[in-house]
């Protein structure tokens, strides 16, 4: 467990060990999440990535992408269509 002091303006220094675990760098944003009466802190970029992953879960299978080759073929097809539209 790590402890940090709240300063006069509500600022808190996140301990180095926590920043490393969350992969936080200068300028990164953090998210505060309430769960069962406890406030959790998370790397907001990672939270957004996880939300995107959840949103797309099952989409590859739904459109028939089963391998890396399928993805490469889809990208080539989209690029070809874009060139044709120009």
PDB file of N, CA and C in Angstrom:
ATOM      1  N   UNK A   1       0.844  -1.171   0.000  1.00  0.00           N
ATOM      2  CA  UNK A   1       0.000   0.000   0.000  1.00  0.00           C
ATOM      3  C   UNK A   1       0.891   1.235   0.000  1.00  0.00           C
ATOM      4  N   UNK A   2       0.519   2.195  -0.812  1.00  0.00           N
ATOM      5  CA  UNK A   2       1.239   3.468  -0.876  1.00  0.00           C
ATOM      6  C   UNK A   2       0.343   4.563  -0.302  1.00  0.00           C
ATOM      7  N   UNK A   3       0.947   5.587   0.273  1.00  0.00           N
ATOM      8  CA  UNK A   3       0.198   6.703   0.846  1.00  0.00           C
ATOM      9  C   UNK A   3       0.741   7.994   0.246  1.00  0.00           C
ATOM     10  N   UNK A   4      -0.177   8.921  -0.063  1.00  0.00           N
ATOM     11  CA  UNK A   4       0.205  10.228  -0.583  1.00  0.00           C
ATOM     12  C   UNK A   4      -0.563  11.295   0.185  1.00  0.00           C
ATOM     13  N   UNK A   5       0.030  12.456   0.313  1.00  0.00           N
ATOM     14  CA  UNK A   5      -0.570  13.565   1.050  1.00  0.00           C
ATOM     15  C   UNK A   5      -1.334  14.470   0.085  1.00  0.00           C
ATOM     16  N   UNK A   6      -2.529  14.884   0.481  1.00  0.00           N
ATOM     17  CA  UNK A   6      -3.329  15.826  -0.306  1.00  0.00           C
ATOM     18  C   UNK A   6      -2.878  17.232   0.065  1.00  0.00           C
ATOM     19  N   UNK A   7      -2.525  18.020  -0.964  1.00  0.00           N
ATOM     20  CA  UNK A   7      -2.060  19.385  -0.742  1.00  0.00           C
ATOM     21  C   UNK A   7      -3.260  20.339  -0.697  1.00  0.00           C
ATOM     22  N   UNK A   8      -2.999  21.615  -0.432  1.00  0.00           N
ATOM     23  CA  UNK A   8      -4.049  22.617  -0.233  1.00  0.00           C
ATOM     24  C   UNK A   8      -5.021  22.713  -1.415  1.00  0.00           C
ATOM     25  N   UNK A   9      -4.525  22.567  -2.633  1.00  0.00           N
ATOM     26  CA  UNK A   9      -5.385  22.684  -3.819  1.00  0.00           C
ATOM     27  C   UNK A   9      -5.908  21.327  -4.290  1.00  0.00           C
ATOM     28  N   UNK A  10      -5.816  20.306  -3.445  1.00  0.00           N
ATOM     29  CA  UNK A  10      -6.322  18.984  -3.802  1.00  0.00           C
ATOM     30  C   UNK A  10      -5.351  18.159  -4.619  1.00  0.00           C
ATOM     31  N   UNK A  11      -4.135  18.641  -4.801  1.00  0.00           N
ATOM     32  CA  UNK A  11      -3.153  17.907  -5.592  1.00  0.00           C
ATOM     33  C   UNK A  11      -2.517  16.788  -4.773  1.00  0.00           C
ATOM     34  N   UNK A  12      -2.222  15.689  -5.471  1.00  0.00           N
ATOM     35  CA  UNK A  12      -1.588  14.532  -4.852  1.00  0.00           C
ATOM     36  C   UNK A  12      -0.462  14.076  -5.767  1.00  0.00           C
ATOM     37  N   UNK A  13       0.681  13.748  -5.204  1.00  0.00           N
ATOM     38  CA  UNK A  13       1.761  13.160  -5.988  1.00  0.00           C
ATOM     39  C   UNK A  13       1.568  11.653  -5.986  1.00  0.00           C
ATOM     40  N   UNK A  14       1.444  11.076  -7.177  1.00  0.00           N
ATOM     41  CA  UNK A  14       1.273   9.628  -7.297  1.00  0.00           C
ATOM     42  C   UNK A  14       2.645   8.988  -7.073  1.00  0.00           C
ATOM     43  N   UNK A  15       2.739   8.082  -6.111  1.00  0.00           N
ATOM     44  CA  UNK A  15       4.038   7.460  -5.839  1.00  0.00           C
ATOM     45  C   UNK A  15       4.632   6.791  -7.079  1.00  0.00           C
ATOM     46  N   UNK A  16       5.957   6.834  -7.166  1.00  0.00           N
ATOM     47  CA  UNK A  16       6.680   6.285  -8.318  1.00  0.00           C
ATOM     48  C   UNK A  16       6.295   4.836  -8.596  1.00  0.00           C
ATOM     49  N   UNK A  17       6.174   4.027  -7.567  1.00  0.00           N
ATOM     50  CA  UNK A  17       5.845   2.614  -7.789  1.00  0.00           C
ATOM     51  C   UNK A  17       4.469   2.454  -8.440  1.00  0.00           C
ATOM     52  N   UNK A  18       3.528   3.322  -8.083  1.00  0.00           N
ATOM     53  CA  UNK A  18       2.185   3.280  -8.682  1.00  0.00           C
ATOM     54  C   UNK A  18       2.254   3.778 -10.118  1.00  0.00           C
ATOM     55  N   UNK A  19       3.011   4.863 -10.365  1.00  0.00           N
ATOM     56  CA  UNK A  19       3.159   5.388 -11.738  1.00  0.00           C
ATOM     57  C   UNK A  19       3.753   4.328 -12.646  1.00  0.00           C
ATOM     58  N   UNK A  20       4.731   3.575 -12.142  1.00  0.00           N
ATOM     59  CA  UNK A  20       5.339   2.512 -12.954  1.00  0.00           C
ATOM     60  C   UNK A  20       4.329   1.419 -13.269  1.00  0.00           C
ATOM     61  N   UNK A  21       3.566   1.009 -12.266  1.00  0.00           N
ATOM     62  CA  UNK A  21       2.572  -0.048 -12.476  1.00  0.00           C
ATOM     63  C   UNK A  21       1.492   0.378 -13.472  1.00  0.00           C
ATOM     64  N   UNK A  22       1.136   1.670 -13.465  1.00  0.00           N
ATOM     65  CA  UNK A  22       0.110   2.180 -14.383  1.00  0.00           C
ATOM     66  C   UNK A  22       0.710   2.671 -15.699  1.00  0.00           C
ATOM     67  N   UNK A  23       2.035   2.599 -15.813  1.00  0.00           N
ATOM     68  CA  UNK A  23       2.754   3.085 -16.992  1.00  0.00           C
ATOM     69  C   UNK A  23       2.398   4.551 -17.277  1.00  0.00           C
ATOM     70  N   UNK A  24       2.431   5.366 -16.234  1.00  0.00           N
ATOM     71  CA  UNK A  24       2.101   6.785 -16.355  1.00  0.00           C
ATOM     72  C   UNK A  24       3.367   7.596 -16.609  1.00  0.00           C
ATOM     73  N   UNK A  25       3.253   8.493 -17.566  1.00  0.00           N
ATOM     74  CA  UNK A  25       4.348   9.402 -17.895  1.00  0.00           C
ATOM     75  C   UNK A  25       3.859  10.833 -17.673  1.00  0.00           C
ATOM     76  N   UNK A  26       4.772  11.787 -17.655  1.00  0.00           N
ATOM     77  CA  UNK A  26       4.410  13.187 -17.488  1.00  0.00           C
ATOM     78  C   UNK A  26       3.402  13.588 -18.569  1.00  0.00           C
ATOM     79  N   UNK A  27       2.326  14.228 -18.163  1.00  0.00           N
ATOM     80  CA  UNK A  27       1.303  14.685 -19.101  1.00  0.00           C
ATOM     81  C   UNK A  27       0.165  13.693 -19.296  1.00  0.00           C
ATOM     82  N   UNK A  28       0.342  12.438 -18.856  1.00  0.00           N
ATOM     83  CA  UNK A  28      -0.740  11.454 -18.977  1.00  0.00           C
ATOM     84  C   UNK A  28      -1.903  11.852 -18.078  1.00  0.00           C
ATOM     85  N   UNK A  29      -3.071  11.360 -18.416  1.00  0.00           N
ATOM     86  CA  UNK A  29      -4.257  11.602 -17.607  1.00  0.00           C
ATOM     87  C   UNK A  29      -4.622  10.315 -16.883  1.00  0.00           C
ATOM     88  N   UNK A  30      -5.229  10.492 -15.706  1.00  0.00           N
ATOM     89  CA  UNK A  30      -5.676   9.346 -14.936  1.00  0.00           C
ATOM     90  C   UNK A  30      -7.193   9.413 -14.791  1.00  0.00           C
ATOM     91  N   UNK A  31      -7.792   8.249 -14.629  1.00  0.00           N
ATOM     92  CA  UNK A  31      -9.229   8.153 -14.416  1.00  0.00           C
ATOM     93  C   UNK A  31      -9.465   7.681 -12.997  1.00  0.00           C
ATOM     94  N   UNK A  32     -10.491   8.243 -12.373  1.00  0.00           N
ATOM     95  CA  UNK A  32     -10.902   7.822 -11.038  1.00  0.00           C
ATOM     96  C   UNK A  32     -12.230   7.104 -11.185  1.00  0.00           C
ATOM     97  N   UNK A  33     -12.283   5.862 -10.747  1.00  0.00           N
ATOM     98  CA  UNK A  33     -13.460   5.021 -10.930  1.00  0.00           C
ATOM     99  C   UNK A  33     -13.973   4.588  -9.567  1.00  0.00           C
ATOM    100  N   UNK A  34     -15.268   4.806  -9.335  1.00  0.00           N
ATOM    101  CA  UNK A  34     -15.846   4.353  -8.072  1.00  0.00           C
ATOM    102  C   UNK A  34     -16.417   2.964  -8.271  1.00  0.00           C
ATOM    103  N   UNK A  35     -16.063   2.067  -7.374  1.00  0.00           N
ATOM    104  CA  UNK A  35     -16.561   0.695  -7.440  1.00  0.00           C
ATOM    105  C   UNK A  35     -16.771   0.191  -6.020  1.00  0.00           C
ATOM    106  N   UNK A  36     -18.001  -0.097  -5.690  1.00  0.00           N
ATOM    107  CA  UNK A  36     -18.348  -0.621  -4.371  1.00  0.00           C
ATOM    108  C   UNK A  36     -17.819   0.259  -3.236  1.00  0.00           C
ATOM    109  N   UNK A  37     -17.952   1.573  -3.402  1.00  0.00           N
ATOM    110  CA  UNK A  37     -17.532   2.492  -2.357  1.00  0.00           C
ATOM    111  C   UNK A  37     -16.044   2.749  -2.281  1.00  0.00           C
ATOM    112  N   UNK A  38     -15.287   2.204  -3.222  1.00  0.00           N
ATOM    113  CA  UNK A  38     -13.837   2.394  -3.270  1.00  0.00           C
ATOM    114  C   UNK A  38     -13.506   3.160  -4.545  1.00  0.00           C
ATOM    115  N   UNK A  39     -12.585   4.096  -4.463  1.00  0.00           N
ATOM    116  CA  UNK A  39     -12.147   4.848  -5.638  1.00  0.00           C
ATOM    117  C   UNK A  39     -10.868   4.207  -6.168  1.00  0.00           C
ATOM    118  N   UNK A  40     -10.895   3.845  -7.444  1.00  0.00           N
ATOM    119  CA  UNK A  40      -9.735   3.252  -8.113  1.00  0.00           C
ATOM    120  C   UNK A  40      -9.121   4.283  -9.038  1.00  0.00           C
ATOM    121  N   UNK A  41      -7.827   4.221  -9.235  1.00  0.00           N
ATOM    122  CA  UNK A  41      -7.140   5.105 -10.176  1.00  0.00           C
ATOM    123  C   UNK A  41      -6.603   4.243 -11.309  1.00  0.00           C
ATOM    124  N   UNK A  42      -6.739   4.753 -12.533  1.00  0.00           N
ATOM    125  CA  UNK A  42      -6.292   3.994 -13.699  1.00  0.00           C
ATOM    126  C   UNK A  42      -5.705   4.943 -14.731  1.00  0.00           C
ATOM    127  N   UNK A  43      -4.855   4.409 -15.575  1.00  0.00           N
ATOM    128  CA  UNK A  43      -4.314   5.146 -16.716  1.00  0.00           C
ATOM    129  C   UNK A  43      -5.478   5.333 -17.693  1.00  0.00           C
ATOM    130  N   UNK A  44      -5.883   6.580 -17.947  1.00  0.00           N
ATOM    131  CA  UNK A  44      -7.074   6.815 -18.773  1.00  0.00           C
ATOM    132  C   UNK A  44      -6.883   6.347 -20.214  1.00  0.00           C
ATOM    133  N   UNK A  45      -5.655   6.392 -20.727  1.00  0.00           N
ATOM    134  CA  UNK A  45      -5.399   5.905 -22.080  1.00  0.00           C
ATOM    135  C   UNK A  45      -5.653   4.405 -22.158  1.00  0.00           C
ATOM    136  N   UNK A  46      -5.186   3.688 -21.154  1.00  0.00           N
ATOM    137  CA  UNK A  46      -5.409   2.244 -21.133  1.00  0.00           C
ATOM    138  C   UNK A  46      -6.883   1.920 -20.965  1.00  0.00           C
ATOM    139  N   UNK A  47      -7.587   2.719 -20.171  1.00  0.00           N
ATOM    140  CA  UNK A  47      -9.033   2.513 -19.991  1.00  0.00           C
ATOM    141  C   UNK A  47      -9.751   2.695 -21.327  1.00  0.00           C
ATOM    142  N   UNK A  48      -9.371   3.725 -22.081  1.00  0.00           N
ATOM    143  CA  UNK A  48      -9.996   3.970 -23.382  1.00  0.00           C
ATOM    144  C   UNK A  48      -9.712   2.814 -24.327  1.00  0.00           C
ATOM    145  N   UNK A  49      -8.484   2.328 -24.327  1.00  0.00           N
ATOM    146  CA  UNK A  49      -8.130   1.198 -25.185  1.00  0.00           C
ATOM    147  C   UNK A  49      -8.952  -0.037 -24.831  1.00  0.00           C
ATOM    148  N   UNK A  50      -9.106  -0.306 -23.558  1.00  0.00           N
ATOM    149  CA  UNK A  50      -9.908  -1.462 -23.127  1.00  0.00           C
ATOM    150  C   UNK A  50     -11.371  -1.303 -23.545  1.00  0.00           C
ATOM    151  N   UNK A  51     -11.891  -0.078 -23.476  1.00  0.00           N
ATOM    152  CA  UNK A  51     -13.273   0.167 -23.893  1.00  0.00           C
ATOM    153  C   UNK A  51     -13.435  -0.075 -25.392  1.00  0.00           C
ATOM    154  N   UNK A  52     -12.446   0.357 -26.175  1.00  0.00           N
ATOM    155  CA  UNK A  52     -12.490   0.118 -27.617  1.00  0.00           C
ATOM    156  C   UNK A  52     -12.420  -1.373 -27.898  1.00  0.00           C
ATOM    157  N   UNK A  53     -11.546  -2.067 -27.203  1.00  0.00           N
ATOM    158  CA  UNK A  53     -11.446  -3.517 -27.386  1.00  0.00           C
ATOM    159  C   UNK A  53     -12.770  -4.189 -27.068  1.00  0.00           C
ATOM    160  N   UNK A  54     -13.403  -3.780 -25.982  1.00  0.00           N
ATOM    161  CA  UNK A  54     -14.698  -4.353 -25.610  1.00  0.00           C
ATOM    162  C   UNK A  54     -15.748  -4.063 -26.679  1.00  0.00           C
ATOM    163  N   UNK A  55     -15.733  -2.826 -27.210  1.00  0.00           N
ATOM    164  CA  UNK A  55     -16.721  -2.443 -28.222  1.00  0.00           C
ATOM    165  C   UNK A  55     -16.567  -3.265 -29.494  1.00  0.00           C
ATOM    166  N   UNK A  56     -15.341  -3.624 -29.834  1.00  0.00           N
ATOM    167  CA  UNK A  56     -15.092  -4.372 -31.061  1.00  0.00           C
ATOM    168  C   UNK A  56     -15.064  -5.879 -30.867  1.00  0.00           C
ATOM    169  N   UNK A  57     -15.240  -6.309 -29.627  1.00  0.00           N
ATOM    170  CA  UNK A  57     -15.182  -7.743 -29.355  1.00  0.00           C
ATOM    171  C   UNK A  57     -16.215  -8.481 -30.204  1.00  0.00           C
ATOM    172  N   UNK A  58     -15.765  -9.494 -30.909  1.00  0.00           N
ATOM    173  CA  UNK A  58     -16.647 -10.308 -31.739  1.00  0.00           C
ATOM    174  C   UNK A  58     -16.843  -9.774 -33.150  1.00  0.00           C
ATOM    175  N   UNK A  59     -16.420  -8.545 -33.424  1.00  0.00           N
ATOM    176  CA  UNK A  59     -16.622  -7.953 -34.756  1.00  0.00           C
ATOM    177  C   UNK A  59     -15.803  -8.668 -35.825  1.00  0.00           C
ATOM    178  N   UNK A  60     -14.568  -9.034 -35.507  1.00  0.00           N
ATOM    179  CA  UNK A  60     -13.729  -9.724 -36.489  1.00  0.00           C
ATOM    180  C   UNK A  60     -14.400 -11.020 -36.924  1.00  0.00           C
ATOM    181  N   UNK A  61     -14.878 -11.767 -35.975  1.00  0.00           N
ATOM    182  CA  UNK A  61     -15.539 -13.036 -36.294  1.00  0.00           C
ATOM    183  C   UNK A  61     -16.815 -12.780 -37.100  1.00  0.00           C
ATOM    184  N   UNK A  62     -17.547 -11.735 -36.695  1.00  0.00           N
ATOM    185  CA  UNK A  62     -18.807 -11.410 -37.365  1.00  0.00           C
ATOM    186  C   UNK A  62     -18.607 -11.114 -38.855  1.00  0.00           C
ATOM    187  N   UNK A  63     -17.493 -10.432 -39.188  1.00  0.00           N
ATOM    188  CA  UNK A  63     -17.263 -10.101 -40.598  1.00  0.00           C
ATOM    189  C   UNK A  63     -16.329 -11.091 -41.292  1.00  0.00           C
ATOM    190  N   UNK A  64     -15.992 -12.172 -40.608  1.00  0.00           N
ATOM    191  CA  UNK A  64     -15.249 -13.251 -41.245  1.00  0.00           C
ATOM    192  C   UNK A  64     -13.739 -13.144 -41.207  1.00  0.00           C
ATOM    193  N   UNK A  65     -13.203 -12.347 -40.299  1.00  0.00           N
ATOM    194  CA  UNK A  65     -11.743 -12.250 -40.166  1.00  0.00           C
ATOM    195  C   UNK A  65     -11.281 -13.296 -39.165  1.00  0.00           C
ATOM    196  N   UNK A  66     -10.600 -14.317 -39.689  1.00  0.00           N
ATOM    197  CA  UNK A  66     -10.177 -15.408 -38.817  1.00  0.00           C
ATOM    198  C   UNK A  66      -8.665 -15.528 -38.696  1.00  0.00           C
ATOM    199  N   UNK A  67      -7.929 -14.820 -39.556  1.00  0.00           N
ATOM    200  CA  UNK A  67      -6.469 -14.926 -39.516  1.00  0.00           C
ATOM    201  C   UNK A  67      -5.847 -13.579 -39.880  1.00  0.00           C
ATOM    202  N   UNK A  68      -4.550 -13.502 -39.676  1.00  0.00           N
ATOM    203  CA  UNK A  68      -3.832 -12.282 -40.049  1.00  0.00           C
ATOM    204  C   UNK A  68      -3.929 -12.050 -41.556  1.00  0.00           C
ATOM    205  N   UNK A  69      -3.922 -13.123 -42.308  1.00  0.00           N
ATOM    206  CA  UNK A  69      -4.039 -13.006 -43.767  1.00  0.00           C
ATOM    207  C   UNK A  69      -5.383 -12.382 -44.154  1.00  0.00           C
ATOM    208  N   UNK A  70      -6.438 -12.724 -43.434  1.00  0.00           N
ATOM    209  CA  UNK A  70      -7.753 -12.132 -43.689  1.00  0.00           C
ATOM    210  C   UNK A  70      -7.720 -10.627 -43.451  1.00  0.00           C
ATOM    211  N   UNK A  71      -7.032 -10.199 -42.390  1.00  0.00           N
ATOM    212  CA  UNK A  71      -6.934  -8.778 -42.076  1.00  0.00           C
ATOM    213  C   UNK A  71      -6.150  -8.053 -43.166  1.00  0.00           C
ATOM    214  N   UNK A  72      -5.033  -8.633 -43.598  1.00  0.00           N
ATOM    215  CA  UNK A  72      -4.211  -8.023 -44.649  1.00  0.00           C
ATOM    216  C   UNK A  72      -5.031  -7.896 -45.937  1.00  0.00           C
ATOM    217  N   UNK A  73      -5.786  -8.925 -46.277  1.00  0.00           N
ATOM    218  CA  UNK A  73      -6.617  -8.891 -47.479  1.00  0.00           C
ATOM    219  C   UNK A  73      -7.672  -7.799 -47.374  1.00  0.00           C
ATOM    220  N   UNK A  74      -8.275  -7.647 -46.202  1.00  0.00           N
ATOM    221  CA  UNK A  74      -9.284  -6.603 -46.007  1.00  0.00           C
ATOM    222  C   UNK A  74      -8.671  -5.221 -46.170  1.00  0.00           C
ATOM    223  N   UNK A  75      -7.490  -5.006 -45.595  1.00  0.00           N
ATOM    224  CA  UNK A  75      -6.814  -3.712 -45.725  1.00  0.00           C
ATOM    225  C   UNK A  75      -6.516  -3.414 -47.186  1.00  0.00           C
ATOM    226  N   UNK A  76      -6.027  -4.411 -47.917  1.00  0.00           N
ATOM    227  CA  UNK A  76      -5.733  -4.209 -49.344  1.00  0.00           C
ATOM    228  C   UNK A  76      -6.999  -3.863 -50.120  1.00  0.00           C
ATOM    229  N   UNK A  77      -8.085  -4.528 -49.804  1.00  0.00           N
ATOM    230  CA  UNK A  77      -9.355  -4.262 -50.482  1.00  0.00           C
ATOM    231  C   UNK A  77      -9.841  -2.835 -50.213  1.00  0.00           C
ATOM    232  N   UNK A  78      -9.761  -2.406 -48.951  1.00  0.00           N
ATOM    233  CA  UNK A  78     -10.192  -1.051 -48.598  1.00  0.00           C
ATOM    234  C   UNK A  78      -9.319  -0.018 -49.296  1.00  0.00           C
ATOM    235  N   UNK A  79      -8.010  -0.251 -49.340  1.00  0.00           N
ATOM    236  CA  UNK A  79      -7.106   0.681 -50.022  1.00  0.00           C
ATOM    237  C   UNK A  79      -7.419   0.753 -51.518  1.00  0.00           C
ATOM    238  N   UNK A  80      -7.704  -0.406 -52.127  1.00  0.00           N
ATOM    239  CA  UNK A  80      -8.048  -0.433 -53.550  1.00  0.00           C
ATOM    240  C   UNK A  80      -9.325   0.366 -53.795  1.00  0.00           C
ATOM    241  N   UNK A  81     -10.325   0.185 -52.953  1.00  0.00           N
ATOM    242  CA  UNK A  81     -11.575   0.922 -53.100  1.00  0.00           C
ATOM    243  C   UNK A  81     -11.368   2.413 -52.934  1.00  0.00           C
ATOM    244  N   UNK A  82     -10.488   2.799 -52.015  1.00  0.00           N
ATOM    245  CA  UNK A  82     -10.208   4.216 -51.809  1.00  0.00           C
ATOM    246  C   UNK A  82      -9.539   4.824 -53.040  1.00  0.00           C
ATOM    247  N   UNK A  83      -8.622   4.081 -53.666  1.00  0.00           N
ATOM    248  CA  UNK A  83      -7.948   4.576 -54.880  1.00  0.00           C
ATOM    249  C   UNK A  83      -8.960   4.714 -56.007  1.00  0.00           C
ATOM    250  N   UNK A  84      -9.876   3.774 -56.107  1.00  0.00           N
ATOM    251  CA  UNK A  84     -10.866   3.812 -57.169  1.00  0.00           C
ATOM    252  C   UNK A  84     -11.831   4.981 -57.009  1.00  0.00           C
ATOM    253  N   UNK A  85     -12.110   5.343 -55.768  1.00  0.00           N
ATOM    254  CA  UNK A  85     -13.037   6.453 -55.482  1.00  0.00           C
ATOM    255  C   UNK A  85     -12.449   7.814 -55.815  1.00  0.00           C
ATOM    256  N   UNK A  86     -11.117   7.885 -55.906  1.00  0.00           N
ATOM    257  CA  UNK A  86     -10.460   9.181 -56.200  1.00  0.00           C
ATOM    258  C   UNK A  86     -10.630   9.532 -57.600  1.00  0.00           C
TER     259      UNK A  86
END
